Amino acid sequence: MGIPRLITFLQPYAEAESLAGNNVVVDGPGLAYHIYHMCLSARPTVWNPFEATPSYEELGEACIAWLDGLREGNVRM
């Protein structure tokens, strides 16, 4: 899903900026996709996709840790 090559096209216009002190809206499906792939990338030595699939507990803990990281960084959601 998404727009093909959008990030590549917009990258020259991007500026790195801290989110601290800002309000953000977290897209639920986007967050779920990010957390799932973050958990998958933490398992580089598995032999097949079924072994790589993270548990619901692992996904939940990773999501809470990610959101807590935003809160600790003074980001308002």
N, C-alpha and C. Protein backbone atom coordinates (compact mmCIF):
# COMPACT_ATOMS: atom_id res chain seq x y z
N MET A 1 0.84 -1.17 0.00
CA MET A 1 0.00 0.00 0.00
C MET A 1 0.89 1.24 0.00
N GLY A 2 0.31 2.36 -0.23
CA GLY A 2 1.07 3.59 -0.24
C GLY A 2 1.34 4.06 -1.65
N ILE A 3 2.17 5.04 -1.75
CA ILE A 3 2.51 5.62 -3.05
C ILE A 3 3.92 5.18 -3.41
N PRO A 4 4.09 4.45 -4.51
CA PRO A 4 5.41 3.97 -4.88
C PRO A 4 6.42 5.11 -5.02
N ARG A 5 7.60 4.92 -4.43
CA ARG A 5 8.74 5.84 -4.51
C ARG A 5 8.47 7.22 -3.91
N LEU A 6 7.45 7.35 -3.07
CA LEU A 6 7.15 8.65 -2.48
C LEU A 6 8.30 9.12 -1.57
N ILE A 7 8.81 8.23 -0.73
CA ILE A 7 9.89 8.63 0.17
C ILE A 7 11.12 9.06 -0.63
N THR A 8 11.44 8.31 -1.67
CA THR A 8 12.59 8.66 -2.51
C THR A 8 12.41 10.04 -3.13
N PHE A 9 11.21 10.34 -3.56
CA PHE A 9 10.94 11.63 -4.18
C PHE A 9 11.01 12.78 -3.17
N LEU A 10 10.51 12.55 -1.95
CA LEU A 10 10.45 13.61 -0.94
C LEU A 10 11.73 13.76 -0.12
N GLN A 11 12.61 12.75 -0.15
CA GLN A 11 13.81 12.77 0.69
C GLN A 11 14.65 14.05 0.54
N PRO A 12 14.85 14.60 -0.66
CA PRO A 12 15.66 15.82 -0.76
C PRO A 12 15.07 17.02 -0.01
N TYR A 13 13.80 16.99 0.29
CA TYR A 13 13.14 18.11 0.96
C TYR A 13 13.01 17.89 2.47
N ALA A 14 13.46 16.74 2.95
CA ALA A 14 13.30 16.39 4.36
C ALA A 14 14.33 17.11 5.23
N GLU A 15 13.92 17.40 6.46
CA GLU A 15 14.80 17.99 7.46
C GLU A 15 14.66 17.20 8.75
N ALA A 16 15.78 16.83 9.35
CA ALA A 16 15.74 16.13 10.63
C ALA A 16 15.32 17.11 11.72
N GLU A 17 14.37 16.70 12.53
CA GLU A 17 13.85 17.57 13.58
C GLU A 17 13.38 16.72 14.75
N SER A 18 13.58 17.20 15.94
CA SER A 18 13.13 16.49 17.14
C SER A 18 11.61 16.63 17.28
N LEU A 19 10.99 15.57 17.76
CA LEU A 19 9.56 15.61 18.03
C LEU A 19 9.25 16.10 19.44
N ALA A 20 10.28 16.28 20.26
CA ALA A 20 10.08 16.68 21.65
C ALA A 20 9.27 17.97 21.74
N GLY A 21 8.25 17.93 22.58
CA GLY A 21 7.41 19.10 22.79
C GLY A 21 6.33 19.29 21.74
N ASN A 22 6.23 18.39 20.78
CA ASN A 22 5.23 18.51 19.72
C ASN A 22 4.08 17.55 19.94
N ASN A 23 2.95 17.85 19.32
CA ASN A 23 1.81 16.95 19.29
C ASN A 23 1.91 16.10 18.03
N VAL A 24 1.64 14.80 18.16
CA VAL A 24 1.65 13.91 17.00
C VAL A 24 0.39 13.07 17.00
N VAL A 25 0.00 12.62 15.85
CA VAL A 25 -1.10 11.68 15.69
C VAL A 25 -0.47 10.38 15.23
N VAL A 26 -0.73 9.30 15.95
CA VAL A 26 -0.17 8.00 15.62
C VAL A 26 -1.21 7.22 14.82
N ASP A 27 -0.84 6.85 13.61
CA ASP A 27 -1.70 6.06 12.73
C ASP A 27 -1.65 4.60 13.20
N GLY A 28 -2.78 4.07 13.65
CA GLY A 28 -2.82 2.72 14.20
C GLY A 28 -2.31 1.64 13.26
N PRO A 29 -2.86 1.53 12.03
CA PRO A 29 -2.36 0.51 11.11
C PRO A 29 -0.88 0.71 10.76
N GLY A 30 -0.45 1.96 10.64
CA GLY A 30 0.96 2.22 10.36
C GLY A 30 1.84 1.80 11.51
N LEU A 31 1.38 2.05 12.75
CA LEU A 31 2.13 1.63 13.93
C LEU A 31 2.22 0.11 13.99
N ALA A 32 1.11 -0.57 13.73
CA ALA A 32 1.11 -2.04 13.75
C ALA A 32 2.09 -2.60 12.72
N TYR A 33 2.09 -2.03 11.52
CA TYR A 33 3.01 -2.47 10.46
C TYR A 33 4.46 -2.25 10.90
N HIS A 34 4.75 -1.08 11.46
CA HIS A 34 6.11 -0.75 11.90
C HIS A 34 6.56 -1.71 13.01
N ILE A 35 5.72 -1.94 14.00
CA ILE A 35 6.08 -2.81 15.12
C ILE A 35 6.28 -4.24 14.63
N TYR A 36 5.41 -4.73 13.77
CA TYR A 36 5.54 -6.08 13.24
C TYR A 36 6.88 -6.26 12.53
N HIS A 37 7.23 -5.32 11.66
CA HIS A 37 8.48 -5.44 10.91
C HIS A 37 9.70 -5.19 11.80
N MET A 38 9.54 -4.38 12.82
CA MET A 38 10.62 -4.18 13.78
C MET A 38 10.90 -5.50 14.53
N CYS A 39 9.85 -6.20 14.92
CA CYS A 39 10.02 -7.48 15.61
C CYS A 39 10.58 -8.54 14.66
N LEU A 40 10.15 -8.54 13.40
CA LEU A 40 10.70 -9.49 12.43
C LEU A 40 12.19 -9.26 12.21
N SER A 41 12.61 -8.02 12.15
CA SER A 41 14.01 -7.72 11.88
C SER A 41 14.91 -8.10 13.07
N ALA A 42 14.31 -8.31 14.23
CA ALA A 42 15.08 -8.72 15.41
C ALA A 42 15.39 -10.21 15.38
N ARG A 43 14.91 -10.92 14.36
CA ARG A 43 15.12 -12.37 14.25
C ARG A 43 15.82 -12.71 12.93
N PRO A 44 17.05 -12.31 12.74
CA PRO A 44 17.71 -12.52 11.43
C PRO A 44 18.14 -13.95 11.16
N THR A 45 18.14 -14.83 12.16
CA THR A 45 18.67 -16.17 11.95
C THR A 45 17.61 -17.25 11.80
N VAL A 46 16.36 -16.90 11.62
CA VAL A 46 15.32 -17.92 11.48
C VAL A 46 15.34 -18.49 10.07
N TRP A 47 14.81 -19.70 9.95
CA TRP A 47 14.87 -20.41 8.67
C TRP A 47 13.66 -20.19 7.77
N ASN A 48 12.52 -19.84 8.34
CA ASN A 48 11.33 -19.63 7.51
C ASN A 48 10.41 -18.60 8.16
N PRO A 49 9.43 -18.10 7.40
CA PRO A 49 8.55 -17.05 7.92
C PRO A 49 7.74 -17.49 9.14
N PHE A 50 7.45 -18.77 9.25
CA PHE A 50 6.65 -19.24 10.38
C PHE A 50 7.44 -19.18 11.68
N GLU A 51 8.74 -19.43 11.60
CA GLU A 51 9.58 -19.30 12.78
C GLU A 51 9.74 -17.83 13.16
N ALA A 52 9.73 -16.95 12.18
CA ALA A 52 9.98 -15.53 12.41
C ALA A 52 8.79 -14.80 13.01
N THR A 53 7.60 -15.35 12.85
CA THR A 53 6.40 -14.66 13.30
C THR A 53 6.45 -14.40 14.80
N PRO A 54 6.39 -13.12 15.20
CA PRO A 54 6.43 -12.80 16.63
C PRO A 54 5.11 -13.15 17.31
N SER A 55 5.17 -13.40 18.60
CA SER A 55 3.96 -13.70 19.37
C SER A 55 3.19 -12.40 19.63
N TYR A 56 1.93 -12.55 20.00
CA TYR A 56 1.14 -11.37 20.35
C TYR A 56 1.75 -10.66 21.55
N GLU A 57 2.30 -11.44 22.48
CA GLU A 57 2.93 -10.85 23.66
C GLU A 57 4.13 -9.99 23.25
N GLU A 58 4.96 -10.52 22.35
CA GLU A 58 6.12 -9.77 21.88
C GLU A 58 5.71 -8.50 21.15
N LEU A 59 4.69 -8.60 20.31
CA LEU A 59 4.20 -7.43 19.58
C LEU A 59 3.66 -6.38 20.55
N GLY A 60 2.89 -6.82 21.54
CA GLY A 60 2.32 -5.89 22.51
C GLY A 60 3.40 -5.19 23.32
N GLU A 61 4.39 -5.94 23.77
CA GLU A 61 5.48 -5.35 24.55
C GLU A 61 6.28 -4.35 23.72
N ALA A 62 6.54 -4.69 22.46
CA ALA A 62 7.29 -3.79 21.58
C ALA A 62 6.50 -2.51 21.33
N CYS A 63 5.20 -2.64 21.14
CA CYS A 63 4.36 -1.47 20.88
C CYS A 63 4.33 -0.55 22.10
N ILE A 64 4.15 -1.12 23.26
CA ILE A 64 4.11 -0.31 24.49
C ILE A 64 5.46 0.37 24.71
N ALA A 65 6.55 -0.36 24.48
CA ALA A 65 7.88 0.23 24.64
C ALA A 65 8.09 1.39 23.67
N TRP A 66 7.61 1.23 22.43
CA TRP A 66 7.76 2.28 21.41
C TRP A 66 6.97 3.53 21.81
N LEU A 67 5.74 3.32 22.25
CA LEU A 67 4.90 4.45 22.67
C LEU A 67 5.44 5.10 23.94
N ASP A 68 5.94 4.28 24.87
CA ASP A 68 6.56 4.84 26.07
C ASP A 68 7.79 5.67 25.71
N GLY A 69 8.53 5.24 24.69
CA GLY A 69 9.68 6.01 24.23
C GLY A 69 9.28 7.39 23.73
N LEU A 70 8.15 7.46 23.05
CA LEU A 70 7.65 8.77 22.61
C LEU A 70 7.30 9.63 23.82
N ARG A 71 6.60 9.04 24.77
CA ARG A 71 6.19 9.79 25.96
C ARG A 71 7.40 10.28 26.74
N GLU A 72 8.41 9.42 26.90
CA GLU A 72 9.63 9.80 27.61
C GLU A 72 10.39 10.89 26.86
N GLY A 73 10.21 10.97 25.56
CA GLY A 73 10.84 12.00 24.77
C GLY A 73 10.04 13.29 24.73
N ASN A 74 9.03 13.40 25.62
CA ASN A 74 8.20 14.60 25.72
C ASN A 74 7.40 14.87 24.45
N VAL A 75 6.89 13.79 23.86
CA VAL A 75 6.04 13.90 22.67
C VAL A 75 4.60 13.65 23.13
N ARG A 76 3.71 14.55 22.78
CA ARG A 76 2.31 14.40 23.15
C ARG A 76 1.55 13.74 22.02
N MET A 77 0.82 12.67 22.37
CA MET A 77 0.06 11.92 21.36
C MET A 77 -1.41 12.23 21.48
